[in-house]
Amino acid sequence: MSLLPKLVGEQKALLLLSSIVDSSDDAIISKDLDGTITSWNKSAERLFGYTEAEAVGRPITMLIPEDRLQEEPQIISRLVKGERVDHFETVRRRKDGTLIQISLTISPVHDDEGNVIGASKIARDTTMVKRGERANRLLSAIVDSSDDAIISKSLDGIITSWNKSAERLFGYTEAEAIGKSITMLIPEDRLDEEPEIIRRLRRGERVDHFETIRKKKDGSLLDISLTISPVKDANGTVIGASKIARDITERKKTDAEIRRINRDLEQFAFSASHDLQEPLRNVKIYSELLTRRYQHKLDGEALEYLGYLQTGASRMQNLVRDLLAYTRVTTVPQSMEKVDANEVLSAALDGLASLIAETGAEVTSENLPAVPMFDAHLQQLFQNLIGNALKYRRKGVVPTVHIACSRQHNCCEFSVRDNGIGIRSKYREAIFEIFKRLHNDDEYSGTGIGLAICQRIVEQYGGRIWVESELGRGSTFRFTIRC
């Protein structure tokens, strides 16, 4: 009778052990020394795709790819010696033929006399872990090979990672930087930027292309463009920040030099226009005086030459005026107040009133949006494009011009459509070149700068301009402005 409680206890222990084996997330398999499977839990079914009935009694080699078959006798030889195989990473094959990364822990099973009679195997799927490790290695390689400094920090401003480019850019090694406050890179007069950045990050905001100044280890200053993103934990809580810092010192120098050159060019244009206009006026005035006072004394050829002088002087005056207008289109601010394009168009049409009346043109428009531009620049665009539409009209056809605008993503696309003479396809890009003219003065007057001015204005606002045209059927000029 004394054996009964002991047997009941052993049965309970076995049931408990069986329950633990079946509820494990890991595949638990046993096999004999011939490699025949003797037990197979529920996780083994989930992992490998075979049911218990399909697996028990079959060789363990059904799970092993051909190029890994040599592993089994090596494992058996270690088990026979009573050794345990810990965290053996390998590849195994599922029922559907797919391969999975596996971590195996294999222990010898002994009989009552201590002889090894088989093995118990715990198999854990490490496929996702391996993928994560590969992804982390790839990400780490990308971060370290980046030309930009990539830094992470906690919300307390403590540096937690520091790539090679951060070392090159700021002069601190990784060991010198990690654990230190990010403020070591910030000049004293810029320290107020950090709490504002942290406030934005806590709200989950991203800080894009923030241009500022930072300090190197040797004390020298750098012009920097920062892009800072919040780092969140699994619950979506912001726990830190990832920062990309790009050195824009040379770009700033180049921008400053370009601005200086533009100022010099504008000043030169002002001076040149003043210096050139005076002698041109003299040429024009005195040639007209000669014509009026002495035309009865001059033969036809002399009068013809005087006509050439007057025409040439007039053309030169127009050319100098347009060249000055071209050079005065300089860089515009990144942000500015919006202007109502309807009001600007109205002002442009007032300036073209005499030409509209002379040609009998019909000019119509749709409701136009407000755009961030200087009104003078937008007016110049409208005047040049509408003026060209009226100038290059077809003989015997009432000119019509229609102005419209549609929103395209973050841009406003304006269009100026006419029913004029049109443009051959091979000239659709060339017409925007400065001084480029497709017609002589006998056909259409002009200096060939108007469309170049339009392109220069549009590009200063980050947009583009192009034309769609059919010869003899008219043209549609389109330009985009960020809005």
Protein backbone atom coordinates (compact mmCIF):
# COMPACT_ATOMS: atom_id res chain seq x y z
CA MET A 1 0.00 0.00 0.00
CA SER A 2 2.92 2.31 0.58
CA LEU A 3 3.75 2.30 -3.17
CA LEU A 4 0.39 3.78 -4.25
CA PRO A 5 0.97 7.40 -3.14
CA LYS A 6 4.39 7.25 -4.73
CA LEU A 7 2.96 6.07 -8.07
CA VAL A 8 0.23 8.70 -7.96
CA GLY A 9 2.86 11.35 -7.29
CA GLU A 10 4.97 10.14 -10.21
CA GLN A 11 1.92 10.18 -12.50
CA LYS A 12 1.14 13.74 -11.44
CA ALA A 13 4.74 14.75 -12.09
CA LEU A 14 4.63 13.14 -15.52
CA LEU A 15 1.36 14.88 -16.36
CA LEU A 16 2.82 18.19 -15.21
CA LEU A 17 5.97 17.62 -17.25
CA SER A 18 3.88 16.67 -20.31
CA SER A 19 1.80 19.82 -19.88
CA ILE A 20 4.94 21.97 -19.66
CA VAL A 21 6.42 20.34 -22.78
CA ASP A 22 3.22 20.85 -24.79
CA SER A 23 2.76 24.46 -23.68
CA SER A 24 6.38 25.46 -24.42
CA ASP A 25 6.95 28.01 -27.19
CA ASP A 26 10.01 25.99 -28.22
CA ALA A 27 9.91 22.76 -30.23
CA ILE A 28 10.82 19.90 -27.87
CA ILE A 29 11.75 16.64 -29.60
CA SER A 30 13.29 13.42 -28.41
CA LYS A 31 15.07 10.82 -30.51
CA ASP A 32 17.01 7.60 -30.04
CA LEU A 33 20.65 7.14 -30.96
CA ASP A 34 19.66 5.93 -34.42
CA GLY A 35 18.14 9.35 -35.04
CA THR A 36 14.53 8.14 -34.95
CA ILE A 37 12.03 10.64 -33.50
CA THR A 38 10.34 9.31 -30.34
CA SER A 39 8.38 12.38 -29.15
CA TRP A 40 7.11 15.60 -30.74
CA ASN A 41 5.36 18.46 -28.93
CA LYS A 42 2.79 21.00 -30.18
CA SER A 43 5.41 23.69 -30.84
CA ALA A 44 7.32 21.22 -33.01
CA GLU A 45 4.14 20.85 -35.06
CA ARG A 46 3.84 24.65 -35.39
CA LEU A 47 7.52 25.13 -36.16
CA PHE A 48 8.14 22.35 -38.67
CA GLY A 49 4.64 21.74 -40.05
CA TYR A 50 4.51 17.97 -39.31
CA THR A 51 1.90 16.56 -36.95
CA GLU A 52 3.00 14.25 -34.13
CA ALA A 53 1.68 11.25 -36.11
CA GLU A 54 3.69 12.29 -39.15
CA ALA A 55 6.91 12.82 -37.19
CA VAL A 56 7.19 10.12 -34.51
CA GLY A 57 8.97 7.03 -35.86
CA ARG A 58 10.61 8.89 -38.71
CA PRO A 59 14.32 9.82 -38.94
CA ILE A 60 15.34 13.24 -37.67
CA THR A 61 17.17 13.73 -40.97
CA MET A 62 13.85 14.63 -42.62
CA LEU A 63 14.35 18.06 -41.00
CA ILE A 64 17.97 18.48 -42.11
CA PRO A 65 18.96 20.04 -45.48
CA GLU A 66 21.33 17.89 -47.55
CA ASP A 67 24.28 20.23 -47.07
CA ARG A 68 23.85 19.93 -43.27
CA LEU A 69 23.53 16.11 -42.96
CA GLN A 70 27.09 15.77 -41.60
CA GLU A 71 25.98 17.63 -38.44
CA GLU A 72 23.83 14.71 -37.17
CA PRO A 73 26.61 12.07 -36.67
CA GLN A 74 28.79 14.74 -35.05
CA ILE A 75 25.98 15.57 -32.60
CA ILE A 76 25.32 11.86 -31.88
CA SER A 77 29.01 11.24 -31.17
CA ARG A 78 29.02 14.07 -28.61
CA LEU A 79 25.81 12.78 -26.99
CA VAL A 80 27.23 9.22 -26.68
CA LYS A 81 30.07 10.75 -24.65
CA GLY A 82 27.46 12.28 -22.36
CA GLU A 83 28.10 15.82 -23.61
CA ARG A 84 25.40 18.47 -23.92
CA VAL A 85 25.19 20.63 -27.08
CA ASP A 86 24.28 24.19 -26.19
CA HIS A 87 22.87 26.89 -28.52
CA PHE A 88 24.00 25.21 -31.71
CA GLU A 89 22.93 27.54 -34.52
CA THR A 90 22.05 25.87 -37.79
CA VAL A 91 19.40 25.60 -40.53
CA ARG A 92 16.50 23.17 -40.66
CA ARG A 93 13.81 22.39 -43.23
CA ARG A 94 10.05 22.58 -42.71
CA LYS A 95 7.45 20.28 -44.24
CA ASP A 96 6.76 22.80 -47.04
CA GLY A 97 10.48 22.86 -47.93
CA THR A 98 11.23 26.34 -46.56
CA LEU A 99 14.39 26.79 -44.50
CA ILE A 100 14.48 28.37 -41.05
CA GLN A 101 17.28 29.51 -38.77
CA ILE A 102 17.36 27.34 -35.63
CA SER A 103 19.12 27.41 -32.27
CA LEU A 104 19.41 23.85 -30.83
CA THR A 105 20.08 22.75 -27.27
CA ILE A 106 20.51 18.95 -27.14
CA SER A 107 20.90 16.88 -23.97
CA PRO A 108 21.66 13.13 -23.66
CA VAL A 109 18.90 10.90 -22.24
CA HIS A 110 20.15 8.16 -19.86
CA ASP A 111 18.59 4.85 -18.76
CA ASP A 112 18.47 3.70 -15.15
CA GLU A 113 22.02 2.45 -15.38
CA GLY A 114 23.34 5.77 -16.75
CA ASN A 115 23.76 4.65 -20.34
CA VAL A 116 22.96 7.15 -23.09
CA ILE A 117 19.94 5.84 -24.96
CA GLY A 118 18.80 8.91 -26.84
CA ALA A 119 18.57 12.68 -26.87
CA SER A 120 16.17 15.48 -25.91
CA LYS A 121 16.27 18.45 -28.28
CA ILE A 122 14.94 21.97 -27.80
CA ALA A 123 14.70 23.88 -31.08
CA ARG A 124 14.08 27.64 -31.17
CA ASP A 125 13.27 29.55 -34.37
CA THR A 126 15.83 32.38 -34.68
CA THR A 127 14.89 33.41 -38.24
CA MET A 128 13.43 36.77 -37.16
CA VAL A 129 16.25 37.31 -34.71
CA LYS A 130 18.79 36.68 -37.48
CA ARG A 131 16.92 39.02 -39.80
CA GLY A 132 16.90 41.63 -37.07
CA GLU A 133 20.62 41.14 -36.50
CA ARG A 134 21.29 41.47 -40.24
CA ALA A 135 19.11 44.56 -40.40
CA ASN A 136 20.93 46.04 -37.42
CA ARG A 137 24.31 45.27 -38.99
CA LEU A 138 23.17 46.84 -42.26
CA LEU A 139 21.79 49.89 -40.46
CA SER A 140 24.99 50.19 -38.45
CA ALA A 141 27.07 50.01 -41.66
CA ILE A 142 24.90 52.68 -43.31
CA VAL A 143 25.16 54.94 -40.28
CA ASP A 144 28.94 54.54 -40.07
CA SER A 145 29.46 55.06 -43.81
CA SER A 146 27.24 58.16 -43.99
CA ASP A 147 28.92 61.44 -44.87
CA ASP A 148 26.61 63.13 -42.37
CA ALA A 149 27.08 63.08 -38.62
CA ILE A 150 24.40 60.83 -37.11
CA ILE A 151 23.89 61.22 -33.39
CA SER A 152 21.26 59.99 -30.96
CA LYS A 153 20.48 61.47 -27.58
CA SER A 154 18.09 61.05 -24.66
CA LEU A 155 15.45 63.66 -23.84
CA ASP A 156 17.86 64.91 -21.16
CA GLY A 157 20.24 65.80 -23.99
CA ILE A 158 22.73 63.03 -23.21
CA ILE A 159 24.50 61.60 -26.27
CA THR A 160 23.79 57.86 -26.69
CA SER A 161 25.34 57.14 -30.11
CA TRP A 162 27.97 58.80 -32.28
CA ASN A 163 29.00 57.69 -35.78
CA LYS A 164 32.32 58.05 -37.62
CA SER A 165 31.23 61.19 -39.47
CA ALA A 166 30.35 62.80 -36.14
CA GLU A 167 33.95 62.13 -35.11
CA ARG A 168 35.25 63.72 -38.31
CA LEU A 169 32.89 66.67 -38.14
CA PHE A 170 33.16 67.65 -34.49
CA GLY A 171 36.57 66.20 -33.55
CA TYR A 172 35.37 64.12 -30.56
CA THR A 173 35.84 60.35 -30.57
CA GLU A 174 32.89 58.08 -29.78
CA ALA A 175 34.33 57.44 -26.29
CA GLU A 176 34.65 61.19 -25.66
CA ALA A 177 31.10 61.96 -26.83
CA ILE A 178 28.81 59.21 -25.53
CA GLY A 179 27.44 60.00 -22.10
CA LYS A 180 28.19 63.73 -22.46
CA SER A 181 25.62 66.49 -22.88
CA ILE A 182 24.80 67.57 -26.42
CA THR A 183 25.30 71.14 -25.23
CA MET A 184 29.07 70.64 -25.52
CA LEU A 185 28.53 71.21 -29.26
CA ILE A 186 26.36 74.33 -28.85
CA PRO A 187 27.84 77.84 -28.64
CA GLU A 188 26.68 79.84 -25.62
CA ASP A 189 24.62 82.27 -27.70
CA ARG A 190 22.67 79.30 -29.18
CA LEU A 191 21.91 77.36 -25.98
CA ASP A 192 18.27 78.50 -26.05
CA GLU A 193 17.74 76.37 -29.20
CA GLU A 194 18.07 73.03 -27.36
CA PRO A 195 15.06 73.30 -24.98
CA GLU A 196 12.87 74.45 -27.88
CA ILE A 197 14.01 71.44 -29.97
CA ILE A 198 13.31 69.10 -27.02
CA ARG A 199 9.81 70.59 -26.60
CA ARG A 200 9.04 69.92 -30.26
CA LEU A 201 10.40 66.36 -30.01
CA ARG A 202 8.27 65.60 -26.94
CA ARG A 203 5.23 66.55 -29.04
CA GLY A 204 6.36 63.96 -31.59
CA GLU A 205 7.38 66.61 -34.13
CA ARG A 206 10.26 66.28 -36.57
CA VAL A 207 12.66 69.21 -37.02
CA ASP A 208 13.66 69.52 -40.68
CA HIS A 209 16.65 71.37 -42.17
CA PHE A 210 17.20 73.59 -39.14
CA GLU A 211 20.19 75.77 -40.01
CA THR A 212 22.32 76.84 -37.06
CA ILE A 213 25.91 76.97 -35.76
CA ARG A 214 27.72 74.31 -33.74
CA LYS A 215 31.11 74.12 -32.05
CA LYS A 216 33.95 71.65 -32.73
CA LYS A 217 36.29 70.20 -30.11
CA ASP A 218 38.97 72.76 -31.06
CA GLY A 219 36.50 75.61 -30.50
CA SER A 220 35.99 76.51 -34.15
CA LEU A 221 32.43 77.06 -35.39
CA LEU A 222 30.55 75.29 -38.17
CA ASP A 223 27.44 76.18 -40.14
CA ILE A 224 25.18 73.13 -39.69
CA SER A 225 21.89 71.89 -41.10
CA LEU A 226 20.07 69.65 -38.60
CA THR A 227 17.28 67.14 -39.19
CA ILE A 228 16.04 65.75 -35.87
CA SER A 229 13.48 62.97 -35.45
CA PRO A 230 11.84 61.69 -32.24
CA VAL A 231 12.74 58.13 -31.14
CA LYS A 232 9.80 56.22 -29.67
CA ASP A 233 9.52 53.07 -27.58
CA ALA A 234 7.14 50.16 -28.27
CA ASN A 235 4.27 52.09 -26.67
CA GLY A 236 4.81 55.14 -28.88
CA THR A 237 6.31 57.24 -26.09
CA VAL A 238 9.10 59.60 -27.16
CA ILE A 239 12.27 58.53 -25.34
CA GLY A 240 14.97 60.33 -27.29
CA ALA A 241 16.03 61.78 -30.62
CA SER A 242 18.02 60.87 -33.69
CA LYS A 243 19.90 63.76 -35.23
CA ILE A 244 21.52 64.13 -38.67
CA ALA A 245 23.99 67.01 -38.88
CA ARG A 246 25.34 68.21 -42.20
CA ASP A 247 28.20 70.67 -42.54
CA ILE A 248 26.99 73.54 -44.74
CA THR A 249 29.91 75.87 -44.05
CA GLU A 250 31.18 75.74 -47.64
CA ARG A 251 27.67 76.09 -49.00
CA LYS A 252 27.14 79.17 -46.85
CA LYS A 253 30.40 80.64 -48.13
CA THR A 254 29.36 79.89 -51.70
CA ASP A 255 25.92 81.42 -51.13
CA ALA A 256 27.51 84.53 -49.66
CA GLU A 257 29.87 84.77 -52.63
CA ILE A 258 26.99 84.36 -55.07
CA ARG A 259 25.04 87.09 -53.27
CA ARG A 260 28.08 89.35 -53.46
CA ILE A 261 28.51 88.64 -57.18
CA ASN A 262 24.81 89.30 -57.75
CA ARG A 263 25.06 92.61 -55.91
CA ASP A 264 28.09 93.55 -57.98
CA LEU A 265 26.29 92.50 -61.15
CA GLU A 266 23.22 94.50 -60.21
CA GLN A 267 25.35 97.52 -59.40
CA PHE A 268 27.17 97.11 -62.70
CA ALA A 269 23.85 96.84 -64.52
CA PHE A 270 22.63 100.06 -62.89
CA SER A 271 25.85 101.83 -63.79
CA ALA A 272 25.93 100.40 -67.29
CA SER A 273 22.33 101.34 -67.94
CA HIS A 274 22.95 104.91 -66.84
CA ASP A 275 26.24 105.22 -68.73
CA LEU A 276 24.85 103.61 -71.89
CA GLN A 277 21.47 105.31 -71.96
CA GLU A 278 22.91 108.83 -72.21
CA PRO A 279 25.00 108.34 -75.39
CA LEU A 280 22.16 106.28 -76.90
CA ARG A 281 19.72 109.12 -76.27
CA ASN A 282 22.17 111.50 -77.92
CA VAL A 283 22.49 109.25 -80.96
CA LYS A 284 18.72 108.97 -81.25
CA ILE A 285 18.00 112.69 -80.66
CA TYR A 286 20.65 114.01 -83.02
CA SER A 287 19.79 111.54 -85.77
CA GLU A 288 16.15 112.69 -85.50
CA LEU A 289 17.29 116.37 -85.62
CA LEU A 290 19.40 115.67 -88.69
CA THR A 291 16.43 114.00 -90.35
CA ARG A 292 14.02 116.86 -89.59
CA ARG A 293 16.35 119.79 -90.41
CA TYR A 294 18.30 118.43 -93.34
CA GLN A 295 16.10 115.86 -94.99
CA HIS A 296 15.57 118.21 -97.98
CA LYS A 297 19.35 118.39 -98.43
CA LEU A 298 20.03 114.67 -98.03
CA ASP A 299 19.54 112.03 -100.65
CA GLY A 300 17.53 108.86 -100.07
CA GLU A 301 20.53 106.79 -99.11
CA ALA A 302 21.60 109.25 -96.36
CA LEU A 303 18.07 109.33 -94.98
CA GLU A 304 18.06 105.55 -94.98
CA TYR A 305 21.27 105.52 -92.96
CA LEU A 306 19.78 107.95 -90.42
CA GLY A 307 16.79 105.62 -90.12
CA TYR A 308 19.16 102.78 -89.31
CA LEU A 309 20.78 104.94 -86.60
CA GLN A 310 17.45 105.74 -84.98
CA THR A 311 16.24 102.14 -85.11
CA GLY A 312 19.53 100.82 -83.76
CA ALA A 313 19.55 103.34 -80.91
CA SER A 314 15.96 102.44 -79.97
CA ARG A 315 16.76 98.73 -79.99
CA MET A 316 19.85 99.30 -77.88
CA GLN A 317 17.83 101.29 -75.34
CA ASN A 318 15.29 98.48 -75.08
CA LEU A 319 18.06 95.90 -74.78
CA VAL A 320 19.77 97.78 -71.93
CA ARG A 321 16.42 98.21 -70.17
CA ASP A 322 15.59 94.48 -70.43
CA LEU A 323 19.08 93.40 -69.42
CA LEU A 324 18.73 95.56 -66.31
CA ALA A 325 15.38 93.89 -65.54
CA TYR A 326 16.99 90.44 -65.94
CA THR A 327 19.84 91.15 -63.52
CA ARG A 328 17.49 92.62 -60.90
CA VAL A 329 15.75 89.25 -60.40
CA THR A 330 17.86 88.09 -57.43
CA THR A 331 17.44 85.43 -54.73
CA VAL A 332 14.16 85.65 -52.81
CA PRO A 333 13.51 84.76 -49.14
CA GLN A 334 12.48 81.20 -48.19
CA SER A 335 9.22 82.48 -46.69
CA MET A 336 7.14 85.57 -47.33
CA GLU A 337 3.57 86.80 -47.20
CA LYS A 338 1.16 85.64 -49.88
CA VAL A 339 -0.22 87.98 -52.53
CA ASP A 340 -3.58 87.68 -54.25
CA ALA A 341 -2.81 86.63 -57.83
CA ASN A 342 -6.16 88.07 -59.00
CA GLU A 343 -5.14 91.58 -57.87
CA VAL A 344 -1.68 91.19 -59.41
CA LEU A 345 -3.19 90.05 -62.73
CA SER A 346 -5.50 93.07 -62.71
CA ALA A 347 -2.49 95.39 -62.29
CA ALA A 348 -0.66 93.60 -65.13
CA LEU A 349 -3.67 94.00 -67.44
CA ASP A 350 -3.82 97.71 -66.61
CA GLY A 351 -0.24 97.99 -67.82
CA LEU A 352 -1.20 96.20 -71.05
CA ALA A 353 -4.44 98.13 -71.57
CA SER A 354 -3.29 100.02 -74.67
CA LEU A 355 -1.97 96.86 -76.37
CA ILE A 356 -5.19 94.98 -75.51
CA ALA A 357 -7.26 97.82 -76.99
CA GLU A 358 -5.03 98.05 -80.08
CA THR A 359 -5.32 94.32 -80.83
CA GLY A 360 -8.96 93.93 -79.74
CA ALA A 361 -7.89 90.99 -77.61
CA GLU A 362 -10.17 89.01 -75.32
CA VAL A 363 -8.40 88.30 -72.02
CA THR A 364 -10.20 86.06 -69.52
CA SER A 365 -9.20 84.43 -66.28
CA GLU A 366 -10.40 82.03 -63.61
CA ASN A 367 -10.25 82.67 -59.87
CA LEU A 368 -6.56 82.56 -58.92
CA PRO A 369 -5.03 81.66 -55.52
CA ALA A 370 -2.78 83.63 -53.22
CA VAL A 371 0.91 82.70 -53.57
CA PRO A 372 4.06 83.56 -51.58
CA MET A 373 5.74 85.93 -54.06
CA PHE A 374 6.74 89.53 -54.47
CA ASP A 375 3.83 91.09 -56.32
CA ALA A 376 6.24 92.85 -58.71
CA HIS A 377 7.70 89.49 -59.78
CA LEU A 378 4.30 87.89 -60.38
CA GLN A 379 3.14 90.98 -62.26
CA GLN A 380 6.22 90.81 -64.46
CA LEU A 381 5.45 87.16 -65.25
CA PHE A 382 1.87 87.98 -66.25
CA GLN A 383 2.88 91.03 -68.29
CA ASN A 384 5.60 89.18 -70.22
CA LEU A 385 3.51 86.08 -70.96
CA ILE A 386 0.30 87.92 -71.84
CA GLY A 387 2.26 90.57 -73.78
CA ASN A 388 3.93 87.79 -75.81
CA ALA A 389 0.55 86.18 -76.46
CA LEU A 390 -0.72 89.46 -77.94
CA LYS A 391 2.49 90.17 -79.86
CA TYR A 392 2.67 86.75 -81.52
CA ARG A 393 -0.96 86.72 -82.67
CA ARG A 394 -2.20 85.34 -85.98
CA LYS A 395 -3.12 87.80 -88.67
CA GLY A 396 -6.85 88.21 -89.14
CA VAL A 397 -7.67 86.34 -85.90
CA VAL A 398 -8.89 88.07 -82.75
CA PRO A 399 -6.33 87.16 -80.08
CA THR A 400 -7.68 85.36 -77.02
CA VAL A 401 -5.76 84.77 -73.79
CA HIS A 402 -6.96 82.73 -70.81
CA ILE A 403 -5.22 82.65 -67.42
CA ALA A 404 -5.91 79.79 -64.99
CA CYS A 405 -4.35 77.97 -62.05
CA SER A 406 -4.63 74.47 -60.54
CA ARG A 407 -3.12 73.00 -57.38
CA GLN A 408 -0.59 70.20 -57.96
CA HIS A 409 0.55 68.64 -54.65
CA ASN A 410 2.26 71.54 -52.82
CA CYS A 411 2.51 73.75 -55.91
CA CYS A 412 0.22 76.09 -57.80
CA GLU A 413 0.45 75.56 -61.56
CA PHE A 414 -0.43 78.70 -63.52
CA SER A 415 -1.25 78.59 -67.23
CA VAL A 416 -1.45 81.34 -69.86
CA ARG A 417 -3.16 79.97 -73.01
CA ASP A 418 -3.38 81.82 -76.32
CA ASN A 419 -4.53 81.20 -79.90
CA GLY A 420 -1.44 82.71 -81.51
CA ILE A 421 1.07 81.54 -84.10
CA GLY A 422 2.46 78.71 -81.93
CA ILE A 423 6.01 77.42 -81.61
CA ARG A 424 7.78 74.54 -83.34
CA SER A 425 8.57 71.69 -80.95
CA LYS A 426 12.33 71.97 -81.50
CA TYR A 427 12.31 75.53 -80.13
CA ARG A 428 10.27 74.92 -76.96
CA GLU A 429 13.34 74.95 -74.71
CA ALA A 430 15.48 77.37 -76.71
CA ILE A 431 12.95 80.22 -76.33
CA PHE A 432 13.90 80.56 -72.65
CA GLU A 433 17.56 81.29 -73.47
CA ILE A 434 18.64 84.88 -73.03
CA PHE A 435 18.72 86.88 -76.31
CA LYS A 436 17.12 83.92 -78.14
CA ARG A 437 14.75 85.16 -80.86
CA LEU A 438 12.88 83.09 -83.46
CA HIS A 439 11.82 86.06 -85.61
CA ASN A 440 13.53 89.15 -87.05
CA ASP A 441 12.53 92.74 -86.30
CA ASP A 442 10.61 93.04 -89.54
CA GLU A 443 8.19 90.39 -88.26
CA TYR A 444 8.13 90.93 -84.49
CA SER A 445 10.11 93.41 -82.39
CA GLY A 446 11.84 92.48 -79.15
CA THR A 447 15.15 91.78 -77.43
CA GLY A 448 14.81 88.05 -76.65
CA ILE A 449 15.06 88.56 -72.88
CA GLY A 450 11.40 88.47 -71.78
CA LEU A 451 11.07 84.68 -71.42
CA ALA A 452 14.55 84.43 -69.88
CA ILE A 453 13.35 86.88 -67.22
CA CYS A 454 10.25 84.73 -66.65
CA GLN A 455 12.39 81.61 -66.21
CA ARG A 456 14.76 83.40 -63.84
CA ILE A 457 11.86 84.60 -61.67
CA VAL A 458 10.16 81.20 -61.52
CA GLU A 459 13.39 79.35 -60.67
CA GLN A 460 14.13 81.81 -57.86
CA TYR A 461 10.87 80.61 -56.27
CA GLY A 462 11.77 76.93 -56.67
CA GLY A 463 9.41 76.36 -59.60
CA ARG A 464 9.74 75.64 -63.30
CA ILE A 465 8.32 77.06 -66.52
CA TRP A 466 7.59 75.34 -69.83
CA VAL A 467 5.46 75.66 -72.95
CA GLU A 468 3.02 73.39 -74.73
CA SER A 469 2.39 74.51 -78.29
CA GLU A 470 1.16 73.56 -81.72
CA LEU A 471 2.30 75.56 -84.72
CA GLY A 472 -0.55 77.68 -86.05
CA ARG A 473 -2.87 76.72 -83.16
CA GLY A 474 -1.48 78.65 -80.19
CA SER A 475 0.59 78.07 -77.06
CA THR A 476 0.07 77.44 -73.35
CA PHE A 477 2.82 78.65 -71.05
CA ARG A 478 2.81 76.96 -67.65
CA PHE A 479 4.77 77.77 -64.50
CA THR A 480 4.72 76.44 -60.95
CA ILE A 481 5.06 78.30 -57.67
CA ARG A 482 5.16 76.65 -54.25
CA CYS A 483 2.00 77.54 -52.35
